Amino acid sequence: MSTFKNRKLWIDSRGMPVITTTSNGARNAEHWGWTPAIATPSEMAGRMTGKVLDPTCGARMMWFNKTDPRAIYGDQRTETHTLCDGRTLNITPDVELDFRELPFADETFRLVVFDPPHLTNVGHSSWLAAKYGRLLPSWQDDITAGFAECFRVLKPEGILIFKWPEVQVPLGDVLACTPEKPLFGHTGTNPTTHWMTFMKDASPDHHSDKETDA
């Protein structure tokens, strides 16, 4: 669990808390019009009442309501980019966080949606990297830690929705990063984008032995 070392708390123009790294905070505060908050990041994280966590929200593209009050939106970056078609991409999480070390207590959320970066072969400054992020060479360790953290912050029998575009890394290799097994899923209209649904078991240290065909 994060200790909030080198993090700072701001209040955005909507009156919502934003937790950032100190290295990014001042620059982003000036750009977005944030003001410093009195509470510490750890205190504010404890006060957040969202029942849903998206720790890899990016530009919140999957969300119908991108400011749903039931959700806490997290990402490791706060950035603005101009895409190849001229559109502006805004990444403005409620909390700047590392999905490998979530700053929340055990059994906090009823639902977690985990949509981590899925590209290993992508230019550092490309629009694809700006939009979807980029997997590091340590991606297997990173995704393993991410799954573990998502299940840690889920309440017993809480639901994890996992999204994985099978473009460069096979889905089976990614599912091997967690001992948990999905209940069901589908590919939707895009045959490369997979959605998997997991349920955290009510008993600690228990994993389903049911196999998946992925």
N, C-alpha and C. Protein backbone atom coordinates (compact mmCIF):
# COMPACT_ATOMS: atom_id res chain seq x y z
N MET A 1 0.84 -1.20 0.00
CA MET A 1 0.00 0.00 0.00
C MET A 1 0.87 1.24 0.00
N SER A 2 0.49 2.24 -0.77
CA SER A 2 1.31 3.43 -0.91
C SER A 2 1.43 4.20 0.40
N THR A 3 2.59 4.82 0.61
CA THR A 3 2.79 5.66 1.78
C THR A 3 2.58 7.14 1.46
N PHE A 4 2.26 7.46 0.19
CA PHE A 4 2.04 8.82 -0.26
C PHE A 4 3.31 9.68 -0.15
N LYS A 5 4.45 9.03 -0.21
CA LYS A 5 5.69 9.77 -0.19
C LYS A 5 5.79 10.60 -1.46
N ASN A 6 6.22 11.85 -1.34
CA ASN A 6 6.41 12.76 -2.46
C ASN A 6 5.12 12.97 -3.24
N ARG A 7 3.99 13.06 -2.55
CA ARG A 7 2.72 13.37 -3.21
C ARG A 7 2.12 14.62 -2.60
N LYS A 8 1.29 15.29 -3.40
CA LYS A 8 0.68 16.53 -2.96
C LYS A 8 -0.79 16.51 -3.34
N LEU A 9 -1.60 17.17 -2.53
CA LEU A 9 -3.04 17.20 -2.74
C LEU A 9 -3.46 18.58 -3.23
N TRP A 10 -4.32 18.58 -4.26
CA TRP A 10 -4.87 19.81 -4.83
C TRP A 10 -6.39 19.67 -4.90
N ILE A 11 -7.06 20.79 -5.10
CA ILE A 11 -8.49 20.81 -5.36
C ILE A 11 -8.69 21.39 -6.76
N ASP A 12 -9.42 20.66 -7.63
CA ASP A 12 -9.59 21.12 -8.99
C ASP A 12 -10.75 22.11 -9.09
N SER A 13 -11.05 22.55 -10.32
CA SER A 13 -12.06 23.58 -10.54
C SER A 13 -13.47 23.12 -10.19
N ARG A 14 -13.67 21.79 -10.09
CA ARG A 14 -14.97 21.25 -9.70
C ARG A 14 -15.09 21.06 -8.20
N GLY A 15 -13.99 21.38 -7.48
CA GLY A 15 -13.99 21.14 -6.04
C GLY A 15 -13.64 19.72 -5.67
N MET A 16 -13.12 18.95 -6.62
CA MET A 16 -12.76 17.56 -6.39
C MET A 16 -11.29 17.44 -6.04
N PRO A 17 -10.92 16.47 -5.18
CA PRO A 17 -9.52 16.30 -4.80
C PRO A 17 -8.72 15.65 -5.93
N VAL A 18 -7.48 16.08 -6.07
CA VAL A 18 -6.54 15.50 -7.04
C VAL A 18 -5.24 15.26 -6.30
N ILE A 19 -4.77 14.01 -6.33
CA ILE A 19 -3.50 13.68 -5.70
C ILE A 19 -2.46 13.47 -6.79
N THR A 20 -1.32 14.18 -6.68
CA THR A 20 -0.29 14.10 -7.71
C THR A 20 1.06 13.84 -7.06
N THR A 21 2.01 13.45 -7.90
CA THR A 21 3.40 13.46 -7.46
C THR A 21 3.85 14.91 -7.37
N THR A 22 4.77 15.21 -6.48
CA THR A 22 5.22 16.59 -6.34
C THR A 22 5.92 17.08 -7.60
N SER A 23 6.52 16.17 -8.37
CA SER A 23 7.22 16.59 -9.58
C SER A 23 6.26 17.08 -10.66
N ASN A 24 5.04 16.53 -10.69
CA ASN A 24 4.06 16.93 -11.69
C ASN A 24 3.07 17.96 -11.17
N GLY A 25 2.90 18.04 -9.85
CA GLY A 25 1.80 18.81 -9.29
C GLY A 25 1.81 20.28 -9.66
N ALA A 26 2.94 20.97 -9.47
CA ALA A 26 2.97 22.41 -9.71
C ALA A 26 2.67 22.74 -11.17
N ARG A 27 3.26 21.97 -12.08
CA ARG A 27 3.03 22.22 -13.50
C ARG A 27 1.57 22.01 -13.86
N ASN A 28 1.00 20.90 -13.40
CA ASN A 28 -0.39 20.61 -13.71
C ASN A 28 -1.34 21.57 -13.01
N ALA A 29 -1.00 21.99 -11.79
CA ALA A 29 -1.85 22.93 -11.07
C ALA A 29 -1.99 24.24 -11.83
N GLU A 30 -0.88 24.72 -12.36
CA GLU A 30 -0.91 25.97 -13.12
C GLU A 30 -1.73 25.80 -14.39
N HIS A 31 -1.57 24.66 -15.05
CA HIS A 31 -2.27 24.43 -16.32
C HIS A 31 -3.77 24.27 -16.11
N TRP A 32 -4.18 23.52 -15.07
CA TRP A 32 -5.59 23.19 -14.87
C TRP A 32 -6.29 24.10 -13.87
N GLY A 33 -5.56 25.02 -13.24
CA GLY A 33 -6.20 25.92 -12.30
C GLY A 33 -6.51 25.29 -10.96
N TRP A 34 -5.70 24.31 -10.53
CA TRP A 34 -5.90 23.68 -9.23
C TRP A 34 -5.39 24.59 -8.12
N THR A 35 -5.92 24.40 -6.92
CA THR A 35 -5.45 25.12 -5.75
C THR A 35 -4.98 24.12 -4.71
N PRO A 36 -3.97 24.47 -3.89
CA PRO A 36 -3.49 23.53 -2.86
C PRO A 36 -4.58 23.23 -1.84
N ALA A 37 -4.59 22.00 -1.36
CA ALA A 37 -5.56 21.57 -0.35
C ALA A 37 -4.87 21.49 1.01
N ILE A 38 -5.68 21.53 2.07
CA ILE A 38 -5.14 21.49 3.42
C ILE A 38 -4.88 20.05 3.87
N ALA A 39 -5.80 19.13 3.56
CA ALA A 39 -5.65 17.74 3.98
C ALA A 39 -4.46 17.09 3.26
N THR A 40 -3.89 16.08 3.90
CA THR A 40 -2.79 15.34 3.29
C THR A 40 -3.36 14.35 2.28
N PRO A 41 -2.54 13.86 1.31
CA PRO A 41 -3.04 12.87 0.36
C PRO A 41 -3.60 11.62 1.02
N SER A 42 -2.95 11.12 2.08
CA SER A 42 -3.45 9.92 2.73
C SER A 42 -4.79 10.17 3.41
N GLU A 43 -4.95 11.36 4.01
CA GLU A 43 -6.24 11.70 4.62
C GLU A 43 -7.33 11.80 3.57
N MET A 44 -7.02 12.42 2.43
CA MET A 44 -8.04 12.59 1.40
C MET A 44 -8.41 11.27 0.77
N ALA A 45 -7.44 10.38 0.56
CA ALA A 45 -7.76 9.07 0.00
C ALA A 45 -8.71 8.32 0.92
N GLY A 46 -8.52 8.50 2.22
CA GLY A 46 -9.41 7.86 3.17
C GLY A 46 -10.81 8.43 3.14
N ARG A 47 -10.96 9.69 2.71
CA ARG A 47 -12.27 10.33 2.67
C ARG A 47 -13.02 10.06 1.38
N MET A 48 -12.33 9.65 0.34
CA MET A 48 -13.00 9.40 -0.93
C MET A 48 -14.03 8.29 -0.75
N THR A 49 -15.23 8.53 -1.24
CA THR A 49 -16.34 7.63 -0.97
C THR A 49 -16.77 6.83 -2.20
N GLY A 50 -16.01 6.90 -3.28
CA GLY A 50 -16.38 6.14 -4.47
C GLY A 50 -16.43 4.65 -4.21
N LYS A 51 -17.39 3.98 -4.83
CA LYS A 51 -17.53 2.53 -4.68
C LYS A 51 -16.88 1.77 -5.83
N VAL A 52 -16.46 2.53 -6.85
CA VAL A 52 -15.86 1.95 -8.05
C VAL A 52 -14.49 2.58 -8.25
N LEU A 53 -13.50 1.76 -8.59
CA LEU A 53 -12.15 2.26 -8.85
C LEU A 53 -11.74 1.91 -10.26
N ASP A 54 -11.25 2.91 -10.98
CA ASP A 54 -10.59 2.72 -12.27
C ASP A 54 -9.16 3.21 -12.10
N PRO A 55 -8.21 2.31 -11.84
CA PRO A 55 -6.84 2.74 -11.55
C PRO A 55 -6.00 3.01 -12.79
N THR A 56 -6.56 2.80 -13.97
CA THR A 56 -5.86 3.05 -15.24
C THR A 56 -6.81 3.79 -16.18
N CYS A 57 -7.34 4.91 -15.72
CA CYS A 57 -8.46 5.54 -16.43
C CYS A 57 -8.07 6.20 -17.74
N GLY A 58 -6.80 6.65 -17.88
CA GLY A 58 -6.44 7.37 -19.10
C GLY A 58 -7.40 8.53 -19.33
N ALA A 59 -7.93 8.64 -20.54
CA ALA A 59 -8.87 9.70 -20.88
C ALA A 59 -10.32 9.29 -20.61
N ARG A 60 -10.52 8.19 -19.88
CA ARG A 60 -11.86 7.71 -19.50
C ARG A 60 -12.72 7.38 -20.72
N MET A 61 -12.09 6.85 -21.76
CA MET A 61 -12.78 6.62 -23.03
C MET A 61 -13.90 5.60 -22.93
N MET A 62 -13.80 4.62 -22.01
CA MET A 62 -14.83 3.59 -21.92
C MET A 62 -16.05 4.07 -21.12
N TRP A 63 -15.92 5.18 -20.43
CA TRP A 63 -16.95 5.64 -19.52
C TRP A 63 -18.04 6.43 -20.25
N PHE A 64 -19.31 6.10 -20.01
CA PHE A 64 -20.41 6.89 -20.55
C PHE A 64 -20.49 8.23 -19.81
N ASN A 65 -20.36 8.20 -18.49
CA ASN A 65 -20.30 9.41 -17.68
C ASN A 65 -18.89 9.54 -17.15
N LYS A 66 -18.13 10.44 -17.71
CA LYS A 66 -16.71 10.55 -17.38
C LYS A 66 -16.45 11.24 -16.04
N THR A 67 -17.51 11.67 -15.38
CA THR A 67 -17.39 12.25 -14.04
C THR A 67 -18.38 11.58 -13.09
N ASP A 68 -18.58 10.30 -13.27
CA ASP A 68 -19.53 9.57 -12.43
C ASP A 68 -19.11 9.66 -10.97
N PRO A 69 -19.98 10.19 -10.10
CA PRO A 69 -19.58 10.38 -8.70
C PRO A 69 -19.37 9.09 -7.93
N ARG A 70 -19.81 7.97 -8.48
CA ARG A 70 -19.60 6.69 -7.80
C ARG A 70 -18.20 6.15 -7.99
N ALA A 71 -17.44 6.77 -8.89
CA ALA A 71 -16.13 6.23 -9.27
C ALA A 71 -15.00 7.14 -8.81
N ILE A 72 -13.84 6.51 -8.58
CA ILE A 72 -12.58 7.22 -8.40
C ILE A 72 -11.71 6.87 -9.60
N TYR A 73 -11.27 7.91 -10.30
CA TYR A 73 -10.47 7.72 -11.51
C TYR A 73 -8.99 7.93 -11.17
N GLY A 74 -8.18 6.93 -11.46
CA GLY A 74 -6.76 7.02 -11.17
C GLY A 74 -5.91 6.77 -12.41
N ASP A 75 -4.75 7.35 -12.44
CA ASP A 75 -3.77 7.10 -13.51
C ASP A 75 -2.43 7.60 -13.01
N GLN A 76 -1.37 7.18 -13.68
CA GLN A 76 -0.03 7.59 -13.25
C GLN A 76 0.37 8.94 -13.84
N ARG A 77 -0.47 9.52 -14.68
CA ARG A 77 -0.09 10.76 -15.36
C ARG A 77 -1.28 11.70 -15.49
N THR A 78 -0.97 13.00 -15.51
CA THR A 78 -1.93 14.04 -15.82
C THR A 78 -1.34 14.81 -16.99
N GLU A 79 -1.95 14.67 -18.17
CA GLU A 79 -1.35 15.20 -19.39
C GLU A 79 -2.44 15.64 -20.37
N THR A 80 -2.01 16.46 -21.33
CA THR A 80 -2.86 16.85 -22.45
C THR A 80 -2.07 16.61 -23.74
N HIS A 81 -2.72 15.97 -24.72
CA HIS A 81 -2.07 15.68 -26.00
C HIS A 81 -2.99 16.05 -27.15
N THR A 82 -2.40 16.37 -28.28
CA THR A 82 -3.14 16.55 -29.53
C THR A 82 -2.92 15.32 -30.37
N LEU A 83 -4.00 14.61 -30.71
CA LEU A 83 -3.89 13.37 -31.46
C LEU A 83 -3.69 13.64 -32.95
N CYS A 84 -3.46 12.57 -33.69
CA CYS A 84 -3.15 12.70 -35.11
C CYS A 84 -4.30 13.31 -35.91
N ASP A 85 -5.52 13.18 -35.41
CA ASP A 85 -6.66 13.76 -36.12
C ASP A 85 -7.04 15.14 -35.61
N GLY A 86 -6.20 15.71 -34.74
CA GLY A 86 -6.42 17.05 -34.24
C GLY A 86 -7.22 17.13 -32.96
N ARG A 87 -7.79 16.02 -32.49
CA ARG A 87 -8.57 16.04 -31.25
C ARG A 87 -7.64 16.19 -30.05
N THR A 88 -8.17 16.75 -28.99
CA THR A 88 -7.42 16.91 -27.76
C THR A 88 -7.70 15.75 -26.82
N LEU A 89 -6.66 15.18 -26.29
CA LEU A 89 -6.77 14.06 -25.34
C LEU A 89 -6.37 14.57 -23.96
N ASN A 90 -7.33 14.58 -23.04
CA ASN A 90 -7.07 15.03 -21.68
C ASN A 90 -7.04 13.84 -20.73
N ILE A 91 -5.96 13.69 -20.01
CA ILE A 91 -5.83 12.66 -18.97
C ILE A 91 -5.76 13.38 -17.64
N THR A 92 -6.87 13.34 -16.90
CA THR A 92 -6.99 14.12 -15.67
C THR A 92 -7.56 13.23 -14.56
N PRO A 93 -6.75 12.38 -13.97
CA PRO A 93 -7.25 11.49 -12.92
C PRO A 93 -7.58 12.24 -11.64
N ASP A 94 -8.47 11.66 -10.84
CA ASP A 94 -8.71 12.18 -9.49
C ASP A 94 -7.49 11.97 -8.62
N VAL A 95 -6.80 10.85 -8.85
CA VAL A 95 -5.63 10.50 -8.06
C VAL A 95 -4.53 10.03 -9.00
N GLU A 96 -3.36 10.65 -8.92
CA GLU A 96 -2.20 10.12 -9.62
C GLU A 96 -1.67 8.96 -8.81
N LEU A 97 -1.63 7.77 -9.42
CA LEU A 97 -1.24 6.58 -8.67
C LEU A 97 -0.51 5.60 -9.56
N ASP A 98 0.08 4.63 -8.93
CA ASP A 98 0.75 3.51 -9.58
C ASP A 98 -0.12 2.28 -9.34
N PHE A 99 -0.64 1.67 -10.41
CA PHE A 99 -1.56 0.55 -10.20
C PHE A 99 -0.88 -0.64 -9.54
N ARG A 100 0.44 -0.63 -9.49
CA ARG A 100 1.16 -1.70 -8.81
C ARG A 100 1.22 -1.49 -7.30
N GLU A 101 0.81 -0.31 -6.84
CA GLU A 101 0.86 0.02 -5.41
C GLU A 101 -0.25 1.02 -5.12
N LEU A 102 -1.47 0.55 -5.04
CA LEU A 102 -2.62 1.42 -4.91
C LEU A 102 -2.70 2.07 -3.53
N PRO A 103 -3.04 3.37 -3.48
CA PRO A 103 -3.07 4.09 -2.20
C PRO A 103 -4.40 3.97 -1.47
N PHE A 104 -4.92 2.75 -1.39
CA PHE A 104 -6.21 2.53 -0.74
C PHE A 104 -6.11 1.32 0.18
N ALA A 105 -6.95 1.33 1.20
CA ALA A 105 -6.96 0.25 2.17
C ALA A 105 -7.55 -1.03 1.57
N ASP A 106 -7.27 -2.14 2.21
CA ASP A 106 -7.84 -3.42 1.79
C ASP A 106 -9.37 -3.35 1.80
N GLU A 107 -9.98 -4.05 0.84
CA GLU A 107 -11.43 -4.24 0.80
C GLU A 107 -12.18 -2.91 0.83
N THR A 108 -11.78 -1.99 -0.06
CA THR A 108 -12.39 -0.67 -0.13
C THR A 108 -13.53 -0.59 -1.15
N PHE A 109 -13.38 -1.28 -2.30
CA PHE A 109 -14.28 -1.06 -3.43
C PHE A 109 -15.15 -2.28 -3.74
N ARG A 110 -16.34 -2.01 -4.26
CA ARG A 110 -17.22 -3.08 -4.71
C ARG A 110 -16.90 -3.52 -6.13
N LEU A 111 -16.35 -2.59 -6.91
CA LEU A 111 -16.06 -2.86 -8.32
C LEU A 111 -14.76 -2.17 -8.70
N VAL A 112 -13.89 -2.90 -9.39
CA VAL A 112 -12.66 -2.34 -9.95
C VAL A 112 -12.63 -2.68 -11.42
N VAL A 113 -12.29 -1.70 -12.25
CA VAL A 113 -12.11 -1.95 -13.68
C VAL A 113 -10.63 -1.73 -13.99
N PHE A 114 -9.99 -2.73 -14.57
CA PHE A 114 -8.54 -2.73 -14.80
C PHE A 114 -8.29 -2.80 -16.30
N ASP A 115 -7.82 -1.70 -16.86
CA ASP A 115 -7.56 -1.58 -18.30
C ASP A 115 -6.14 -1.06 -18.48
N PRO A 116 -5.13 -1.90 -18.21
CA PRO A 116 -3.75 -1.43 -18.24
C PRO A 116 -3.25 -1.23 -19.67
N PRO A 117 -2.10 -0.56 -19.83
CA PRO A 117 -1.49 -0.46 -21.16
C PRO A 117 -1.30 -1.85 -21.75
N HIS A 118 -1.41 -1.95 -23.08
CA HIS A 118 -1.35 -3.26 -23.72
C HIS A 118 -0.32 -3.33 -24.84
N LEU A 119 0.40 -2.24 -25.10
CA LEU A 119 1.34 -2.20 -26.21
C LEU A 119 2.78 -2.25 -25.70
N THR A 120 3.56 -3.15 -26.29
CA THR A 120 4.99 -3.23 -25.97
C THR A 120 5.84 -2.57 -27.04
N ASN A 121 5.38 -2.63 -28.26
CA ASN A 121 6.11 -2.08 -29.41
C ASN A 121 5.40 -0.83 -29.90
N VAL A 122 5.78 0.31 -29.30
CA VAL A 122 5.13 1.58 -29.65
C VAL A 122 6.11 2.70 -29.35
N GLY A 123 6.13 3.72 -30.18
CA GLY A 123 7.05 4.84 -29.98
C GLY A 123 6.75 5.61 -28.72
N HIS A 124 7.79 6.06 -28.04
CA HIS A 124 7.63 6.77 -26.77
C HIS A 124 6.78 8.02 -26.93
N SER A 125 6.93 8.72 -28.05
CA SER A 125 6.21 9.98 -28.24
C SER A 125 5.06 9.86 -29.23
N SER A 126 4.66 8.63 -29.56
CA SER A 126 3.58 8.43 -30.53
C SER A 126 2.22 8.73 -29.92
N TRP A 127 1.23 8.96 -30.79
CA TRP A 127 -0.12 9.21 -30.28
C TRP A 127 -0.71 7.95 -29.65
N LEU A 128 -0.26 6.78 -30.10
CA LEU A 128 -0.73 5.54 -29.49
C LEU A 128 -0.25 5.44 -28.04
N ALA A 129 1.00 5.81 -27.80
CA ALA A 129 1.52 5.78 -26.44
C ALA A 129 0.81 6.81 -25.57
N ALA A 130 0.51 7.98 -26.16
CA ALA A 130 -0.20 9.01 -25.41
C ALA A 130 -1.60 8.55 -25.05
N LYS A 131 -2.25 7.85 -25.96
CA LYS A 131 -3.65 7.45 -25.75
C LYS A 131 -3.79 6.22 -24.89
N TYR A 132 -2.91 5.22 -25.11
CA TYR A 132 -3.08 3.93 -24.44
C TYR A 132 -1.99 3.61 -23.42
N GLY A 133 -0.92 4.41 -23.37
CA GLY A 133 0.19 4.07 -22.51
C GLY A 133 1.08 3.02 -23.16
N ARG A 134 2.11 2.59 -22.43
CA ARG A 134 3.09 1.66 -23.00
C ARG A 134 3.54 0.69 -21.92
N LEU A 135 3.59 -0.60 -22.28
CA LEU A 135 4.10 -1.61 -21.36
C LEU A 135 5.62 -1.55 -21.28
N LEU A 136 6.14 -1.68 -20.08
CA LEU A 136 7.58 -1.73 -19.88
C LEU A 136 8.08 -3.15 -20.09
N PRO A 137 9.40 -3.33 -20.25
CA PRO A 137 9.93 -4.70 -20.36
C PRO A 137 9.56 -5.58 -19.17
N SER A 138 9.28 -4.95 -18.03
CA SER A 138 8.88 -5.69 -16.83
C SER A 138 7.37 -5.91 -16.77
N TRP A 139 6.70 -5.91 -17.93
CA TRP A 139 5.24 -5.89 -17.93
C TRP A 139 4.62 -7.07 -17.19
N GLN A 140 5.25 -8.25 -17.25
CA GLN A 140 4.66 -9.40 -16.56
C GLN A 140 4.63 -9.19 -15.04
N ASP A 141 5.72 -8.67 -14.49
CA ASP A 141 5.74 -8.35 -13.07
C ASP A 141 4.76 -7.23 -12.75
N ASP A 142 4.68 -6.25 -13.65
CA ASP A 142 3.80 -5.10 -13.43
C ASP A 142 2.33 -5.52 -13.44
N ILE A 143 1.93 -6.33 -14.42
CA ILE A 143 0.54 -6.77 -14.50
C ILE A 143 0.21 -7.70 -13.34
N THR A 144 1.17 -8.55 -12.96
CA THR A 144 0.97 -9.42 -11.80
C THR A 144 0.68 -8.59 -10.55
N ALA A 145 1.50 -7.56 -10.34
CA ALA A 145 1.29 -6.69 -9.19
C ALA A 145 -0.03 -5.94 -9.30
N GLY A 146 -0.38 -5.53 -10.53
CA GLY A 146 -1.63 -4.81 -10.73
C GLY A 146 -2.85 -5.66 -10.40
N PHE A 147 -2.86 -6.89 -10.87
CA PHE A 147 -3.96 -7.80 -10.53
C PHE A 147 -4.05 -7.98 -9.01
N ALA A 148 -2.90 -8.21 -8.37
CA ALA A 148 -2.90 -8.44 -6.93
C ALA A 148 -3.44 -7.24 -6.17
N GLU A 149 -3.07 -6.05 -6.60
CA GLU A 149 -3.56 -4.84 -5.94
C GLU A 149 -5.06 -4.64 -6.17
N CYS A 150 -5.52 -4.92 -7.38
CA CYS A 150 -6.95 -4.78 -7.66
C CYS A 150 -7.77 -5.71 -6.77
N PHE A 151 -7.32 -6.94 -6.62
CA PHE A 151 -8.04 -7.88 -5.75
C PHE A 151 -7.89 -7.49 -4.28
N ARG A 152 -6.76 -6.92 -3.91
CA ARG A 152 -6.58 -6.51 -2.52
C ARG A 152 -7.59 -5.44 -2.10
N VAL A 153 -7.83 -4.46 -2.97
CA VAL A 153 -8.72 -3.36 -2.60
C VAL A 153 -10.20 -3.69 -2.84
N LEU A 154 -10.48 -4.84 -3.45
CA LEU A 154 -11.87 -5.26 -3.63
C LEU A 154 -12.44 -5.82 -2.32
N LYS A 155 -13.70 -5.54 -2.08
CA LYS A 155 -14.40 -6.17 -0.97
C LYS A 155 -14.60 -7.65 -1.29
N PRO A 156 -14.81 -8.48 -0.27
CA PRO A 156 -15.14 -9.88 -0.54
C PRO A 156 -16.35 -9.99 -1.47
N GLU A 157 -16.22 -10.84 -2.46
CA GLU A 157 -17.23 -11.03 -3.51
C GLU A 157 -17.40 -9.79 -4.38
N GLY A 158 -16.40 -8.89 -4.33
CA GLY A 158 -16.40 -7.75 -5.24
C GLY A 158 -16.05 -8.19 -6.65
N ILE A 159 -16.33 -7.32 -7.62
CA ILE A 159 -16.19 -7.65 -9.04
C ILE A 159 -15.02 -6.89 -9.66
N LEU A 160 -14.20 -7.61 -10.42
CA LEU A 160 -13.14 -7.01 -11.22
C LEU A 160 -13.48 -7.19 -12.69
N ILE A 161 -13.56 -6.08 -13.41
CA ILE A 161 -13.72 -6.11 -14.86
C ILE A 161 -12.35 -5.84 -15.47
N PHE A 162 -11.89 -6.77 -16.29
CA PHE A 162 -10.56 -6.65 -16.91
C PHE A 162 -10.71 -6.52 -18.41
N LYS A 163 -10.04 -5.53 -18.98
CA LYS A 163 -10.07 -5.30 -20.43
C LYS A 163 -8.68 -5.52 -21.01
N TRP A 164 -8.61 -6.28 -22.09
CA TRP A 164 -7.31 -6.51 -22.72
C TRP A 164 -7.45 -6.57 -24.25
N PRO A 165 -6.92 -5.58 -24.98
CA PRO A 165 -6.84 -5.66 -26.44
C PRO A 165 -5.69 -6.59 -26.84
N GLU A 166 -6.01 -7.67 -27.47
CA GLU A 166 -5.00 -8.68 -27.83
C GLU A 166 -4.36 -8.29 -29.16
N VAL A 167 -3.52 -7.27 -29.10
CA VAL A 167 -2.87 -6.73 -30.29
C VAL A 167 -1.43 -7.23 -30.42
N GLN A 168 -0.67 -7.15 -29.33
CA GLN A 168 0.72 -7.57 -29.34
C GLN A 168 1.02 -8.66 -28.32
N VAL A 169 0.28 -8.70 -27.24
CA VAL A 169 0.51 -9.69 -26.18
C VAL A 169 -0.71 -10.59 -26.08
N PRO A 170 -0.57 -11.91 -26.21
CA PRO A 170 -1.72 -12.82 -26.13
C PRO A 170 -2.43 -12.74 -24.79
N LEU A 171 -3.75 -12.85 -24.84
CA LEU A 171 -4.56 -12.80 -23.63
C LEU A 171 -4.12 -13.86 -22.62
N GLY A 172 -3.82 -15.07 -23.09
CA GLY A 172 -3.42 -16.14 -22.18
C GLY A 172 -2.18 -15.80 -21.38
N ASP A 173 -1.23 -15.08 -21.99
CA ASP A 173 -0.02 -14.68 -21.28
C ASP A 173 -0.34 -13.70 -20.16
N VAL A 174 -1.35 -12.87 -20.38
CA VAL A 174 -1.73 -11.87 -19.39
C VAL A 174 -2.52 -12.52 -18.25
N LEU A 175 -3.45 -13.41 -18.59
CA LEU A 175 -4.23 -14.09 -17.56
C LEU A 175 -3.35 -14.97 -16.68
N ALA A 176 -2.19 -15.37 -17.22
CA ALA A 176 -1.25 -16.16 -16.42
C ALA A 176 -0.61 -15.33 -15.31
N CYS A 177 -0.82 -14.01 -15.33
CA CYS A 177 -0.25 -13.13 -14.32
C CYS A 177 -1.07 -13.09 -13.04
N THR A 178 -2.19 -13.82 -13.00
CA THR A 178 -2.99 -13.88 -11.78
C THR A 178 -3.47 -15.32 -11.57
N PRO A 179 -3.53 -15.78 -10.32
CA PRO A 179 -4.08 -17.11 -10.06
C PRO A 179 -5.60 -17.13 -10.12
N GLU A 180 -6.22 -15.95 -10.13
CA GLU A 180 -7.68 -15.88 -10.21
C GLU A 180 -8.15 -16.25 -11.61
N LYS A 181 -9.33 -16.83 -11.69
CA LYS A 181 -9.89 -17.23 -12.98
C LYS A 181 -11.15 -16.43 -13.28
N PRO A 182 -11.30 -15.96 -14.52
CA PRO A 182 -12.49 -15.18 -14.86
C PRO A 182 -13.74 -16.06 -14.87
N LEU A 183 -14.86 -15.43 -14.53
CA LEU A 183 -16.14 -16.12 -14.59
C LEU A 183 -16.64 -16.23 -16.03
N PHE A 184 -16.60 -15.11 -16.74
CA PHE A 184 -17.08 -15.08 -18.13
C PHE A 184 -16.52 -13.84 -18.79
N GLY A 185 -16.71 -13.75 -20.10
CA GLY A 185 -16.24 -12.59 -20.85
C GLY A 185 -16.71 -12.66 -22.28
N HIS A 186 -16.39 -11.65 -23.05
CA HIS A 186 -16.76 -11.64 -24.45
C HIS A 186 -15.77 -10.77 -25.22
N THR A 187 -15.82 -10.85 -26.53
CA THR A 187 -14.91 -10.08 -27.37
C THR A 187 -15.56 -8.87 -27.99
N GLY A 188 -16.87 -8.73 -27.88
CA GLY A 188 -17.55 -7.58 -28.45
C GLY A 188 -17.45 -7.55 -29.96
N THR A 189 -17.58 -6.36 -30.53
CA THR A 189 -17.53 -6.22 -31.99
C THR A 189 -16.11 -6.25 -32.51
N ASN A 190 -15.14 -5.94 -31.66
CA ASN A 190 -13.74 -6.00 -32.05
C ASN A 190 -13.18 -7.34 -31.57
N PRO A 191 -12.81 -8.22 -32.50
CA PRO A 191 -12.39 -9.57 -32.08
C PRO A 191 -11.09 -9.59 -31.30
N THR A 192 -10.37 -8.47 -31.23
CA THR A 192 -9.11 -8.46 -30.48
C THR A 192 -9.26 -7.88 -29.08
N THR A 193 -10.40 -7.27 -28.77
CA THR A 193 -10.59 -6.67 -27.45
C THR A 193 -11.42 -7.58 -26.57
N HIS A 194 -10.81 -8.05 -25.49
CA HIS A 194 -11.44 -9.01 -24.60
C HIS A 194 -11.84 -8.34 -23.30
N TRP A 195 -13.02 -8.69 -22.80
CA TRP A 195 -13.50 -8.25 -21.50
C TRP A 195 -13.69 -9.48 -20.64
N MET A 196 -13.11 -9.47 -19.44
CA MET A 196 -13.21 -10.60 -18.54
C MET A 196 -13.78 -10.13 -17.20
N THR A 197 -14.64 -10.96 -16.62
CA THR A 197 -15.26 -10.64 -15.34
C THR A 197 -14.80 -11.63 -14.27
N PHE A 198 -14.25 -11.09 -13.18
CA PHE A 198 -13.78 -11.88 -12.05
C PHE A 198 -14.62 -11.52 -10.83
N MET A 199 -14.74 -12.45 -9.90
CA MET A 199 -15.33 -12.17 -8.58
C MET A 199 -14.33 -12.58 -7.51
N LYS A 200 -14.05 -11.67 -6.60
CA LYS A 200 -13.17 -11.99 -5.48
C LYS A 200 -13.88 -12.95 -4.55
N ASP A 201 -13.19 -14.01 -4.15
CA ASP A 201 -13.81 -14.98 -3.26
C ASP A 201 -13.97 -14.40 -1.86
N ALA A 202 -14.99 -14.84 -1.16
CA ALA A 202 -15.23 -14.35 0.19
C ALA A 202 -14.22 -14.88 1.18
N SER A 203 -13.59 -16.03 0.86
CA SER A 203 -12.59 -16.62 1.75
C SER A 203 -11.20 -16.14 1.36
N PRO A 204 -10.36 -15.74 2.31
CA PRO A 204 -9.01 -15.30 1.98
C PRO A 204 -8.15 -16.43 1.43
N ASP A 205 -7.23 -16.06 0.54
CA ASP A 205 -6.24 -17.00 0.01
C ASP A 205 -6.88 -18.18 -0.71
N HIS A 206 -8.05 -17.96 -1.33
CA HIS A 206 -8.70 -19.02 -2.09
C HIS A 206 -8.78 -18.60 -3.54
N HIS A 207 -8.40 -19.51 -4.44
CA HIS A 207 -8.46 -19.24 -5.86
C HIS A 207 -9.21 -20.37 -6.54
N SER A 208 -10.07 -19.99 -7.50
CA SER A 208 -10.82 -21.01 -8.24
C SER A 208 -9.87 -21.86 -9.05
N ASP A 209 -10.13 -23.16 -9.10
CA ASP A 209 -9.29 -24.05 -9.91
C ASP A 209 -9.92 -24.32 -11.27
N LYS A 210 -10.96 -23.56 -11.57
CA LYS A 210 -11.61 -23.73 -12.86
C LYS A 210 -10.74 -23.13 -13.95
N GLU A 211 -10.53 -23.87 -15.02
CA GLU A 211 -9.67 -23.43 -16.08
C GLU A 211 -10.44 -22.56 -17.06
N THR A 212 -9.71 -21.70 -17.78
CA THR A 212 -10.27 -20.89 -18.85
C THR A 212 -9.73 -21.37 -20.17
N ASP A 213 -10.49 -21.19 -21.22
CA ASP A 213 -10.04 -21.60 -22.54
C ASP A 213 -9.14 -20.59 -23.19
N ALA A 214 -8.94 -19.39 -22.54
CA ALA A 214 -8.14 -18.34 -23.15
C ALA A 214 -6.68 -18.78 -23.26
